[in-house]
Structure formats: structure tokens, C-alpha cells
Amino acid sequence: MAEGKDKFIGEVTHYFPKVGAAVIKLEKPLKVGDKVKIVGGKAGEFEQAVSSIQIDRQPIEKGKAGDEVGVAVDQPVREGYKVYTVE
């Protein structure tokens, strides 16, 4: 699970399987290029770099605490999966 320098930044609130994107409710900032770990379900966990972030289908470089952002994900996720930044 998340340990060491991994920092909890939010939780998946929705997943769009056709476009491979997750909606993440942020508790801490997230920016394009950050490396994240997504933890939950049978898949366990996986890490990936954030390649794009959107709010209301508009690309942004950085989301702040309180934002609900869309992020392209490498694997299917579900509501409730936890998202951490990896240092």
C-alpha cells in the first residue's frame, strides 16, 4: 500500500471506461507530470505519470484542493480508489 513518501491527494469519484479517464476529488494539488499511485480493488495498485488533467472538458496544468478533475488513467479504476502522489 501507500507508504514512505507517498502523499494522499484524493479519491476516485467516477470512471469513464470508453475514454479511460477517472474523476478525482482532490484534497491536495495535482499537476501534469506528477507521478501518482492509484490503490484499490482487485487490481491492487499501479503507478503512472499524469499526462493530462481536465475540468469541465477543458485542459488545465494543475488542479487544486477541492477540485474534481478528470485524469487519463492507464488501467480501469472504480469509485473509492485512493490516489497518492509518489516522490
N, C-alpha and C. Protein backbone atom coordinates (compact mmCIF):
# COMPACT_ATOMS: atom_id res chain seq x y z
N MET A 1 0.83 -1.19 0.00
CA MET A 1 0.00 0.00 0.00
C MET A 1 0.87 1.25 0.00
N ALA A 2 0.23 2.39 0.12
CA ALA A 2 0.98 3.64 0.11
C ALA A 2 1.75 3.79 1.41
N GLU A 3 3.04 4.00 1.28
CA GLU A 3 3.87 4.18 2.46
C GLU A 3 5.04 5.05 2.09
N GLY A 4 5.88 5.35 3.06
CA GLY A 4 7.04 6.17 2.78
C GLY A 4 6.65 7.59 2.44
N LYS A 5 7.07 8.04 1.25
CA LYS A 5 6.85 9.44 0.87
C LYS A 5 5.59 9.63 0.04
N ASP A 6 4.79 8.60 -0.15
CA ASP A 6 3.54 8.75 -0.89
C ASP A 6 2.60 9.63 -0.08
N LYS A 7 1.94 10.59 -0.79
CA LYS A 7 1.04 11.51 -0.11
C LYS A 7 -0.37 11.36 -0.67
N PHE A 8 -1.34 11.14 0.20
CA PHE A 8 -2.74 11.03 -0.22
C PHE A 8 -3.17 12.37 -0.81
N ILE A 9 -3.72 12.33 -2.02
CA ILE A 9 -4.18 13.58 -2.63
C ILE A 9 -5.66 13.58 -3.00
N GLY A 10 -6.29 12.40 -3.01
CA GLY A 10 -7.70 12.39 -3.36
C GLY A 10 -8.25 11.00 -3.59
N GLU A 11 -9.50 10.99 -4.06
CA GLU A 11 -10.23 9.74 -4.24
C GLU A 11 -10.98 9.76 -5.57
N VAL A 12 -11.03 8.61 -6.22
CA VAL A 12 -11.78 8.48 -7.47
C VAL A 12 -13.27 8.54 -7.17
N THR A 13 -13.99 9.44 -7.88
CA THR A 13 -15.43 9.55 -7.68
C THR A 13 -16.22 9.00 -8.88
N HIS A 14 -15.53 8.83 -10.02
CA HIS A 14 -16.21 8.29 -11.20
C HIS A 14 -15.15 7.80 -12.19
N TYR A 15 -15.56 6.87 -13.06
CA TYR A 15 -14.67 6.36 -14.09
C TYR A 15 -15.42 6.30 -15.41
N PHE A 16 -14.79 6.78 -16.47
CA PHE A 16 -15.36 6.74 -17.81
C PHE A 16 -14.58 5.71 -18.63
N PRO A 17 -15.10 4.46 -18.75
CA PRO A 17 -14.35 3.40 -19.40
C PRO A 17 -14.07 3.65 -20.88
N LYS A 18 -14.98 4.30 -21.61
CA LYS A 18 -14.78 4.48 -23.04
C LYS A 18 -13.57 5.36 -23.34
N VAL A 19 -13.31 6.34 -22.47
CA VAL A 19 -12.18 7.24 -22.71
C VAL A 19 -11.02 6.97 -21.76
N GLY A 20 -11.20 6.03 -20.84
CA GLY A 20 -10.13 5.69 -19.90
C GLY A 20 -9.74 6.83 -18.99
N ALA A 21 -10.76 7.49 -18.43
CA ALA A 21 -10.49 8.65 -17.57
C ALA A 21 -11.20 8.48 -16.23
N ALA A 22 -10.53 8.96 -15.18
CA ALA A 22 -11.09 8.94 -13.84
C ALA A 22 -11.35 10.36 -13.39
N VAL A 23 -12.44 10.54 -12.63
CA VAL A 23 -12.68 11.82 -11.95
C VAL A 23 -12.14 11.66 -10.54
N ILE A 24 -11.27 12.58 -10.15
CA ILE A 24 -10.64 12.53 -8.84
C ILE A 24 -11.00 13.78 -8.07
N LYS A 25 -11.56 13.60 -6.88
CA LYS A 25 -11.84 14.71 -5.96
C LYS A 25 -10.55 14.98 -5.20
N LEU A 26 -9.94 16.14 -5.47
CA LEU A 26 -8.63 16.44 -4.89
C LEU A 26 -8.72 17.02 -3.49
N GLU A 27 -7.85 16.53 -2.62
CA GLU A 27 -7.67 17.11 -1.29
C GLU A 27 -6.37 17.89 -1.21
N LYS A 28 -5.49 17.65 -2.21
CA LYS A 28 -4.21 18.36 -2.32
C LYS A 28 -3.98 18.62 -3.81
N PRO A 29 -3.11 19.57 -4.16
CA PRO A 29 -2.89 19.89 -5.58
C PRO A 29 -2.30 18.72 -6.37
N LEU A 30 -2.60 18.73 -7.67
CA LEU A 30 -2.07 17.74 -8.62
C LEU A 30 -1.76 18.48 -9.90
N LYS A 31 -0.59 18.19 -10.50
CA LYS A 31 -0.23 18.85 -11.76
C LYS A 31 0.21 17.83 -12.80
N VAL A 32 0.12 18.25 -14.05
CA VAL A 32 0.58 17.41 -15.16
C VAL A 32 2.06 17.10 -14.92
N GLY A 33 2.42 15.84 -15.10
CA GLY A 33 3.80 15.40 -14.89
C GLY A 33 4.01 14.72 -13.55
N ASP A 34 3.10 14.94 -12.59
CA ASP A 34 3.21 14.26 -11.30
C ASP A 34 3.10 12.75 -11.50
N LYS A 35 3.79 12.00 -10.68
CA LYS A 35 3.65 10.55 -10.68
C LYS A 35 2.67 10.19 -9.57
N VAL A 36 1.67 9.39 -9.92
CA VAL A 36 0.65 9.01 -8.93
C VAL A 36 0.58 7.50 -8.78
N LYS A 37 0.09 7.10 -7.62
CA LYS A 37 -0.20 5.70 -7.34
C LYS A 37 -1.70 5.64 -7.06
N ILE A 38 -2.38 4.72 -7.73
CA ILE A 38 -3.82 4.54 -7.51
C ILE A 38 -3.99 3.17 -6.87
N VAL A 39 -4.69 3.17 -5.72
CA VAL A 39 -4.79 1.98 -4.89
C VAL A 39 -6.25 1.61 -4.67
N GLY A 40 -6.56 0.30 -4.88
CA GLY A 40 -7.91 -0.16 -4.60
C GLY A 40 -8.29 -1.38 -5.40
N GLY A 41 -9.27 -2.10 -4.90
CA GLY A 41 -9.85 -3.22 -5.62
C GLY A 41 -8.92 -4.39 -5.85
N LYS A 42 -9.35 -5.28 -6.74
CA LYS A 42 -8.61 -6.50 -7.04
C LYS A 42 -7.29 -6.21 -7.73
N ALA A 43 -7.25 -5.13 -8.48
CA ALA A 43 -6.04 -4.77 -9.21
C ALA A 43 -4.90 -4.42 -8.25
N GLY A 44 -5.24 -4.11 -7.02
CA GLY A 44 -4.22 -3.74 -6.05
C GLY A 44 -3.84 -2.29 -6.21
N GLU A 45 -2.75 -2.05 -6.92
CA GLU A 45 -2.30 -0.69 -7.14
C GLU A 45 -1.47 -0.61 -8.41
N PHE A 46 -1.39 0.59 -8.97
CA PHE A 46 -0.50 0.83 -10.11
C PHE A 46 -0.04 2.28 -10.05
N GLU A 47 1.09 2.52 -10.70
CA GLU A 47 1.65 3.86 -10.75
C GLU A 47 1.67 4.34 -12.20
N GLN A 48 1.54 5.65 -12.37
CA GLN A 48 1.61 6.24 -13.69
C GLN A 48 1.93 7.73 -13.57
N ALA A 49 2.41 8.31 -14.65
CA ALA A 49 2.59 9.76 -14.71
C ALA A 49 1.28 10.37 -15.19
N VAL A 50 0.96 11.55 -14.68
CA VAL A 50 -0.25 12.27 -15.10
C VAL A 50 0.06 12.97 -16.41
N SER A 51 -0.61 12.53 -17.48
CA SER A 51 -0.35 13.10 -18.80
C SER A 51 -1.29 14.25 -19.15
N SER A 52 -2.48 14.25 -18.54
CA SER A 52 -3.43 15.35 -18.80
C SER A 52 -4.41 15.46 -17.64
N ILE A 53 -4.84 16.69 -17.42
CA ILE A 53 -5.86 16.99 -16.39
C ILE A 53 -6.89 17.90 -17.06
N GLN A 54 -8.16 17.64 -16.76
CA GLN A 54 -9.23 18.48 -17.30
C GLN A 54 -10.24 18.83 -16.20
N ILE A 55 -10.84 20.00 -16.35
CA ILE A 55 -12.01 20.37 -15.58
C ILE A 55 -13.06 20.81 -16.59
N ASP A 56 -14.24 20.23 -16.52
CA ASP A 56 -15.31 20.53 -17.48
C ASP A 56 -14.82 20.45 -18.92
N ARG A 57 -14.06 19.40 -19.23
CA ARG A 57 -13.53 19.11 -20.57
C ARG A 57 -12.52 20.14 -21.07
N GLN A 58 -12.05 21.01 -20.19
CA GLN A 58 -11.04 21.99 -20.57
C GLN A 58 -9.70 21.59 -19.96
N PRO A 59 -8.65 21.48 -20.78
CA PRO A 59 -7.34 21.09 -20.24
C PRO A 59 -6.80 22.15 -19.28
N ILE A 60 -6.19 21.69 -18.20
CA ILE A 60 -5.53 22.57 -17.24
C ILE A 60 -4.18 21.95 -16.90
N GLU A 61 -3.29 22.73 -16.35
CA GLU A 61 -1.97 22.24 -15.96
C GLU A 61 -1.94 21.74 -14.53
N LYS A 62 -2.83 22.30 -13.68
CA LYS A 62 -2.78 21.98 -12.26
C LYS A 62 -4.17 22.08 -11.65
N GLY A 63 -4.53 21.07 -10.83
CA GLY A 63 -5.77 21.12 -10.07
C GLY A 63 -5.43 21.42 -8.62
N LYS A 64 -6.35 22.11 -7.93
CA LYS A 64 -6.11 22.46 -6.53
C LYS A 64 -7.06 21.72 -5.62
N ALA A 65 -6.77 21.76 -4.33
CA ALA A 65 -7.62 21.10 -3.34
C ALA A 65 -9.06 21.57 -3.52
N GLY A 66 -9.99 20.62 -3.51
CA GLY A 66 -11.40 20.92 -3.69
C GLY A 66 -11.90 20.72 -5.11
N ASP A 67 -10.98 20.71 -6.09
CA ASP A 67 -11.36 20.50 -7.49
C ASP A 67 -11.73 19.03 -7.73
N GLU A 68 -12.64 18.83 -8.67
CA GLU A 68 -12.89 17.49 -9.21
C GLU A 68 -12.33 17.52 -10.62
N VAL A 69 -11.28 16.74 -10.84
CA VAL A 69 -10.58 16.79 -12.12
C VAL A 69 -10.67 15.46 -12.85
N GLY A 70 -10.64 15.53 -14.16
CA GLY A 70 -10.57 14.33 -14.99
C GLY A 70 -9.12 14.05 -15.33
N VAL A 71 -8.70 12.80 -15.15
CA VAL A 71 -7.33 12.39 -15.42
C VAL A 71 -7.35 11.10 -16.23
N ALA A 72 -6.58 11.07 -17.33
CA ALA A 72 -6.45 9.83 -18.11
C ALA A 72 -5.72 8.81 -17.25
N VAL A 73 -6.25 7.57 -17.20
CA VAL A 73 -5.62 6.52 -16.40
C VAL A 73 -5.25 5.34 -17.29
N ASP A 74 -4.17 4.65 -16.88
CA ASP A 74 -3.64 3.53 -17.67
C ASP A 74 -4.43 2.24 -17.48
N GLN A 75 -5.17 2.14 -16.38
CA GLN A 75 -5.93 0.93 -16.07
C GLN A 75 -7.32 1.32 -15.56
N PRO A 76 -8.30 0.42 -15.69
CA PRO A 76 -9.63 0.72 -15.15
C PRO A 76 -9.57 0.93 -13.64
N VAL A 77 -10.37 1.87 -13.16
CA VAL A 77 -10.47 2.16 -11.72
C VAL A 77 -11.94 2.19 -11.34
N ARG A 78 -12.20 2.30 -10.05
CA ARG A 78 -13.58 2.37 -9.55
C ARG A 78 -13.71 3.47 -8.52
N GLU A 79 -14.96 3.84 -8.26
CA GLU A 79 -15.23 4.79 -7.19
C GLU A 79 -14.60 4.31 -5.89
N GLY A 80 -14.01 5.23 -5.17
CA GLY A 80 -13.44 4.90 -3.87
C GLY A 80 -11.96 4.56 -3.89
N TYR A 81 -11.39 4.33 -5.08
CA TYR A 81 -9.95 4.09 -5.14
C TYR A 81 -9.22 5.33 -4.62
N LYS A 82 -8.14 5.12 -3.90
CA LYS A 82 -7.36 6.21 -3.33
C LYS A 82 -6.21 6.59 -4.26
N VAL A 83 -5.93 7.87 -4.31
CA VAL A 83 -4.88 8.40 -5.19
C VAL A 83 -3.81 9.08 -4.34
N TYR A 84 -2.56 8.71 -4.62
CA TYR A 84 -1.40 9.26 -3.89
C TYR A 84 -0.40 9.81 -4.89
N THR A 85 0.34 10.87 -4.51
CA THR A 85 1.49 11.26 -5.31
C THR A 85 2.68 10.45 -4.81
N VAL A 86 3.57 10.13 -5.74
CA VAL A 86 4.76 9.33 -5.43
C VAL A 86 5.98 10.24 -5.62
N GLU A 87 6.86 10.25 -4.62
CA GLU A 87 8.07 11.09 -4.74
C GLU A 87 9.28 10.26 -5.05
